[in-house]
Amino acid sequence: MSEHAAESRWVSWVGIGLFVALASAGYFYNLTFIQLGVVDLGSRVLELPAGRIAQAMALLAGVTLVVALGTGLVMHRRRWSESFKFKLQLLAAVAVLQTALTLVAPLLRSQTELTVWIVLASIGLGLGVPCLFGLTCDLVPIRHRGIVAAAVTSAAFLPAAVFASDWRIDQFAAQMVWFMIPSTVGLLVLAFYPMASDGFPGATAPPGQLRSRALCASRCARVAENCVHTLPGTHVRCLLRRQLGVHTHYRYAYLPQVRMGLCGV
């Protein structure tokens, strides 16, 4: 295996690990703190009737849905969804908001405060959903997405069942904060510090020239078919600048690198 192929494989697995960490943390947060903690806050702390709690959870789901759809549409129209850096930065901002909301949640003492908290939390969740799932195209190769989905589910549901002691808002908040604060700091560094995330796939390409993994895979197949063989064996000369629309001109490349190293498939 060449040095470039080994480096590409290493970067690919680091990206997969980052996506699993982000997705599983998001699922764990929603499964425990949102689904169970907010219900405990409304029923036990605020002593709201079951109907009011159900309305509050419906408000959370509805606002999250509208914000997520609106965010996805705006990102698509403005082509922000093609920017790995933008999605990572918006996700870091969401992490800051959710960490702050987690800290203040046990301090809520009225239904009005709970409603405001739910609206803010819904906005954060709605902004985070399209960014998180959009990172799938940047970090997870197509052939690994099944096992990555299983890893995300396991990493979220297993800790939720094992480490969740009392289903109380104060316990959930204390449980979340100890890993949310350092994780948010790390995500902020990765998203905003220059060159911190440049090694990940799609991080260095300018906006408007990034492609989804599926599109990249189909174009790589066409490139492989149109490559001009200059040496016996697996060496090929590929005019990737013309066929893939990237600025870098890869003069000589192994065919497996075209299929896996450059496209991640």
Protein backbone atom coordinates (compact mmCIF):
# COMPACT_ATOMS: atom_id res chain seq x y z
CA MET A 1 0.00 0.00 0.00
CA SER A 2 1.40 3.43 -0.99
CA GLU A 3 2.01 6.21 1.50
CA HIS A 4 -0.83 8.29 0.04
CA ALA A 5 -3.30 5.41 0.27
CA ALA A 6 -2.29 4.68 3.87
CA GLU A 7 -2.71 8.35 4.80
CA SER A 8 -6.11 8.50 3.11
CA ARG A 9 -7.27 5.41 4.99
CA TRP A 10 -6.08 6.87 8.30
CA VAL A 11 -7.87 10.18 7.66
CA SER A 12 -11.02 8.27 6.67
CA TRP A 13 -11.14 6.36 9.95
CA VAL A 14 -10.50 9.52 11.99
CA GLY A 15 -13.43 11.16 10.21
CA ILE A 16 -15.62 8.14 10.92
CA GLY A 17 -14.66 8.32 14.60
CA LEU A 18 -15.53 12.01 14.73
CA PHE A 19 -18.94 11.40 13.15
CA VAL A 20 -19.72 8.49 15.50
CA ALA A 21 -18.80 10.65 18.50
CA LEU A 22 -20.96 13.58 17.33
CA ALA A 23 -23.98 11.50 16.32
CA SER A 24 -23.97 9.24 19.38
CA ALA A 25 -23.61 12.24 21.71
CA GLY A 26 -26.57 13.90 20.01
CA TYR A 27 -28.72 10.78 20.25
CA PHE A 28 -27.72 10.24 23.88
CA TYR A 29 -28.60 13.84 24.74
CA ASN A 30 -32.02 13.63 23.10
CA LEU A 31 -32.76 10.18 24.48
CA THR A 32 -32.00 11.03 28.10
CA PHE A 33 -32.02 14.76 28.80
CA ILE A 34 -34.73 15.81 26.33
CA GLN A 35 -37.06 12.79 26.38
CA LEU A 36 -36.77 11.99 30.09
CA GLY A 37 -35.26 15.02 31.83
CA VAL A 38 -37.69 17.60 30.47
CA VAL A 39 -40.64 15.38 31.35
CA ASP A 40 -39.33 15.09 34.92
CA LEU A 41 -38.85 18.85 35.06
CA GLY A 42 -42.43 19.49 34.07
CA SER A 43 -44.09 16.79 36.17
CA ARG A 44 -42.04 16.70 39.36
CA VAL A 45 -40.43 20.15 39.64
CA LEU A 46 -43.07 22.37 38.05
CA GLU A 47 -45.98 20.04 38.92
CA LEU A 48 -47.64 20.51 35.56
CA PRO A 49 -50.51 18.24 34.50
CA ALA A 50 -49.80 15.53 31.94
CA GLY A 51 -51.66 17.45 29.24
CA ARG A 52 -49.43 20.51 29.60
CA ILE A 53 -46.32 18.36 29.47
CA ALA A 54 -47.56 16.67 26.32
CA GLN A 55 -48.20 20.07 24.75
CA ALA A 56 -44.69 21.20 25.68
CA MET A 57 -43.13 18.11 24.08
CA ALA A 58 -45.31 18.60 21.00
CA LEU A 59 -44.07 22.20 20.79
CA LEU A 60 -40.49 20.97 20.99
CA ALA A 61 -41.04 18.47 18.18
CA GLY A 62 -42.91 20.95 15.98
CA VAL A 63 -40.42 23.81 16.30
CA THR A 64 -37.52 21.41 15.76
CA LEU A 65 -39.16 20.10 12.59
CA VAL A 66 -39.80 23.57 11.14
CA VAL A 67 -36.32 24.87 11.98
CA ALA A 68 -34.63 21.74 10.62
CA LEU A 69 -36.53 21.91 7.32
CA GLY A 70 -35.91 25.66 7.00
CA THR A 71 -32.22 25.31 7.82
CA GLY A 72 -31.78 22.48 5.34
CA LEU A 73 -33.52 24.45 2.60
CA VAL A 74 -31.43 27.58 3.21
CA MET A 75 -28.21 25.56 3.33
CA HIS A 76 -29.14 23.88 0.06
CA ARG A 77 -30.06 27.09 -1.77
CA ARG A 78 -26.99 28.99 -0.59
CA ARG A 79 -24.78 25.90 -1.09
CA TRP A 80 -23.61 26.03 2.53
CA SER A 81 -24.31 22.31 2.70
CA GLU A 82 -21.29 21.82 0.43
CA SER A 83 -18.94 23.40 2.98
CA PHE A 84 -17.53 21.02 5.59
CA LYS A 85 -16.20 23.96 7.60
CA PHE A 86 -19.56 25.74 7.72
CA LYS A 87 -21.42 22.65 8.93
CA LEU A 88 -18.80 22.03 11.61
CA GLN A 89 -18.92 25.65 12.79
CA LEU A 90 -22.71 25.73 12.96
CA LEU A 91 -22.68 22.44 14.86
CA ALA A 92 -20.17 23.91 17.33
CA ALA A 93 -22.45 26.92 17.87
CA VAL A 94 -25.35 24.54 18.51
CA ALA A 95 -23.22 22.66 21.05
CA VAL A 96 -22.55 25.93 22.91
CA LEU A 97 -26.27 26.73 23.00
CA GLN A 98 -27.27 23.26 24.18
CA THR A 99 -24.59 23.26 26.88
CA ALA A 100 -25.86 26.59 28.23
CA LEU A 101 -29.46 25.34 28.16
CA THR A 102 -28.45 22.16 29.99
CA LEU A 103 -26.82 24.20 32.74
CA VAL A 104 -29.89 26.39 33.35
CA ALA A 105 -32.57 23.70 32.94
CA PRO A 106 -32.64 22.62 36.64
CA LEU A 107 -33.17 26.29 37.60
CA LEU A 108 -36.47 26.70 35.75
CA ARG A 109 -39.39 27.40 38.07
CA SER A 110 -42.39 28.31 35.92
CA GLN A 111 -44.23 27.12 32.85
CA THR A 112 -43.32 30.30 30.97
CA GLU A 113 -39.63 29.71 31.59
CA LEU A 114 -40.04 26.11 30.47
CA THR A 115 -41.75 27.24 27.24
CA VAL A 116 -38.96 29.70 26.44
CA TRP A 117 -36.39 27.00 27.19
CA ILE A 118 -38.15 24.53 24.90
CA VAL A 119 -38.28 27.02 22.02
CA LEU A 120 -34.55 27.76 22.36
CA ALA A 121 -33.70 24.08 22.64
CA SER A 122 -35.84 23.33 19.59
CA ILE A 123 -34.01 25.97 17.57
CA GLY A 124 -30.70 24.43 18.56
CA LEU A 125 -31.85 20.92 17.69
CA GLY A 126 -33.32 22.09 14.39
CA LEU A 127 -30.07 23.79 13.41
CA GLY A 128 -28.01 20.79 14.42
CA VAL A 129 -29.93 18.06 12.59
CA PRO A 130 -29.12 19.04 8.97
CA CYS A 131 -25.52 19.87 9.89
CA LEU A 132 -24.94 16.56 11.65
CA PHE A 133 -26.47 14.40 8.95
CA GLY A 134 -24.81 16.53 6.27
CA LEU A 135 -21.43 15.58 7.74
CA THR A 136 -22.16 11.99 6.74
CA CYS A 137 -21.21 12.86 3.17
CA ASP A 138 -17.94 14.43 4.32
CA LEU A 139 -16.79 11.94 6.94
CA VAL A 140 -18.32 8.51 6.26
CA PRO A 141 -17.53 6.53 3.08
CA ILE A 142 -20.56 4.89 1.51
CA ARG A 143 -19.43 1.33 2.12
CA HIS A 144 -19.02 1.97 5.88
CA ARG A 145 -22.33 3.74 6.56
CA GLY A 146 -24.19 0.63 7.68
CA ILE A 147 -21.69 -0.30 10.37
CA VAL A 148 -21.33 3.37 11.36
CA ALA A 149 -25.10 3.62 11.90
CA ALA A 150 -24.95 0.53 14.11
CA ALA A 151 -22.01 2.00 16.05
CA VAL A 152 -23.85 5.29 16.59
CA THR A 153 -26.96 3.50 17.87
CA SER A 154 -24.97 1.29 20.20
CA ALA A 155 -22.87 4.16 21.51
CA ALA A 156 -26.03 6.13 22.32
CA PHE A 157 -28.48 3.56 23.69
CA LEU A 158 -26.06 1.44 25.72
CA PRO A 159 -24.74 4.28 27.92
CA ALA A 160 -28.28 5.64 28.25
CA ALA A 161 -29.42 2.32 29.71
CA VAL A 162 -26.33 1.61 31.81
CA PHE A 163 -25.29 4.98 33.23
CA ALA A 164 -28.65 6.72 33.67
CA SER A 165 -29.39 6.35 37.40
CA ASP A 166 -32.36 8.44 38.48
CA TRP A 167 -34.58 9.93 35.80
CA ARG A 168 -34.40 13.39 37.39
CA ILE A 169 -33.55 16.65 35.66
CA ASP A 170 -30.78 17.56 38.10
CA GLN A 171 -29.16 14.13 37.73
CA PHE A 172 -29.36 14.30 33.95
CA ALA A 173 -27.91 17.83 33.91
CA ALA A 174 -24.98 16.84 36.13
CA GLN A 175 -24.40 13.76 33.98
CA MET A 176 -24.40 15.75 30.73
CA VAL A 177 -22.33 18.76 31.75
CA TRP A 178 -19.18 16.83 32.62
CA PHE A 179 -18.71 15.68 29.04
CA MET A 180 -20.56 18.47 27.17
CA ILE A 181 -18.23 21.26 28.31
CA PRO A 182 -14.91 19.66 27.24
CA SER A 183 -16.52 18.22 24.10
CA THR A 184 -17.87 21.64 23.14
CA VAL A 185 -14.48 23.24 23.69
CA GLY A 186 -12.85 20.60 21.50
CA LEU A 187 -15.48 21.06 18.79
CA LEU A 188 -14.97 24.84 18.86
CA VAL A 189 -11.24 24.41 18.40
CA LEU A 190 -11.78 21.95 15.57
CA ALA A 191 -14.31 24.20 13.85
CA PHE A 192 -12.77 27.66 14.25
CA TYR A 193 -9.04 27.19 14.81
CA PRO A 194 -7.14 27.60 11.51
CA MET A 195 -5.97 24.30 10.02
CA ALA A 196 -7.44 22.26 12.89
CA SER A 197 -9.81 20.36 10.59
CA ASP A 198 -8.01 20.77 7.26
CA GLY A 199 -7.00 17.11 7.21
CA PHE A 200 -10.56 15.85 6.97
CA PRO A 201 -12.07 14.99 3.59
CA GLY A 202 -13.69 18.00 1.91
CA ALA A 203 -12.29 20.51 4.41
CA THR A 204 -9.88 22.27 2.05
CA ALA A 205 -11.99 22.53 -1.11
CA PRO A 206 -13.61 25.93 -1.71
CA PRO A 207 -17.40 26.27 -1.42
CA GLY A 208 -19.20 25.42 -4.63
CA GLN A 209 -16.73 22.70 -5.61
CA LEU A 210 -17.47 20.08 -3.01
CA ARG A 211 -19.54 17.08 -4.05
CA SER A 212 -21.49 14.46 -2.20
CA ARG A 213 -19.89 11.03 -1.87
CA ALA A 214 -22.47 9.47 -4.17
CA LEU A 215 -21.81 12.00 -6.92
CA CYS A 216 -18.09 11.70 -6.41
CA ALA A 217 -18.31 7.93 -6.66
CA SER A 218 -20.14 8.06 -9.99
CA ARG A 219 -17.70 10.58 -11.39
CA CYS A 220 -14.74 8.53 -10.20
CA ALA A 221 -16.17 5.58 -12.09
CA ARG A 222 -16.29 7.67 -15.26
CA VAL A 223 -12.76 8.95 -14.63
CA ALA A 224 -11.51 5.38 -14.23
CA GLU A 225 -13.08 4.47 -17.56
CA ASN A 226 -11.60 7.49 -19.33
CA CYS A 227 -8.13 7.27 -17.83
CA VAL A 228 -5.24 7.05 -20.23
CA HIS A 229 -2.98 4.13 -19.30
CA THR A 230 0.61 5.31 -19.42
CA LEU A 231 2.35 2.44 -17.59
CA PRO A 232 1.68 -1.32 -17.38
CA GLY A 233 -0.18 -2.54 -14.33
CA THR A 234 -2.26 -0.27 -12.11
CA HIS A 235 -0.58 3.09 -12.85
CA VAL A 236 -2.87 5.45 -14.72
CA ARG A 237 -2.77 9.10 -15.68
CA CYS A 238 -6.04 10.82 -14.83
CA LEU A 239 -7.09 14.30 -15.82
CA LEU A 240 -9.01 14.89 -12.61
CA ARG A 241 -8.98 18.63 -12.97
CA ARG A 242 -11.15 18.50 -16.07
CA GLN A 243 -13.37 15.57 -15.07
CA LEU A 244 -13.93 16.24 -11.36
CA GLY A 245 -13.77 20.03 -11.36
CA VAL A 246 -11.01 20.33 -8.74
CA HIS A 247 -8.08 22.71 -8.95
CA THR A 248 -5.36 20.20 -8.09
CA HIS A 249 -3.98 18.27 -11.04
CA TYR A 250 -3.14 14.72 -9.95
CA ARG A 251 -0.60 13.60 -12.53
CA TYR A 252 -0.08 10.00 -11.53
CA ALA A 253 -2.29 7.99 -9.21
CA TYR A 254 -3.08 4.41 -8.38
CA LEU A 255 -6.50 3.35 -9.57
CA PRO A 256 -7.52 2.24 -6.02
CA GLN A 257 -6.66 5.74 -4.82
CA VAL A 258 -8.99 7.24 -7.36
CA ARG A 259 -11.79 5.03 -6.09
CA MET A 260 -11.05 5.15 -2.37
CA GLY A 261 -8.47 7.77 -1.44
CA LEU A 262 -9.94 10.69 -3.37
CA CYS A 263 -13.61 9.81 -3.11
CA GLY A 264 -13.70 7.83 0.12
CA VAL A 265 -15.78 4.98 -1.33
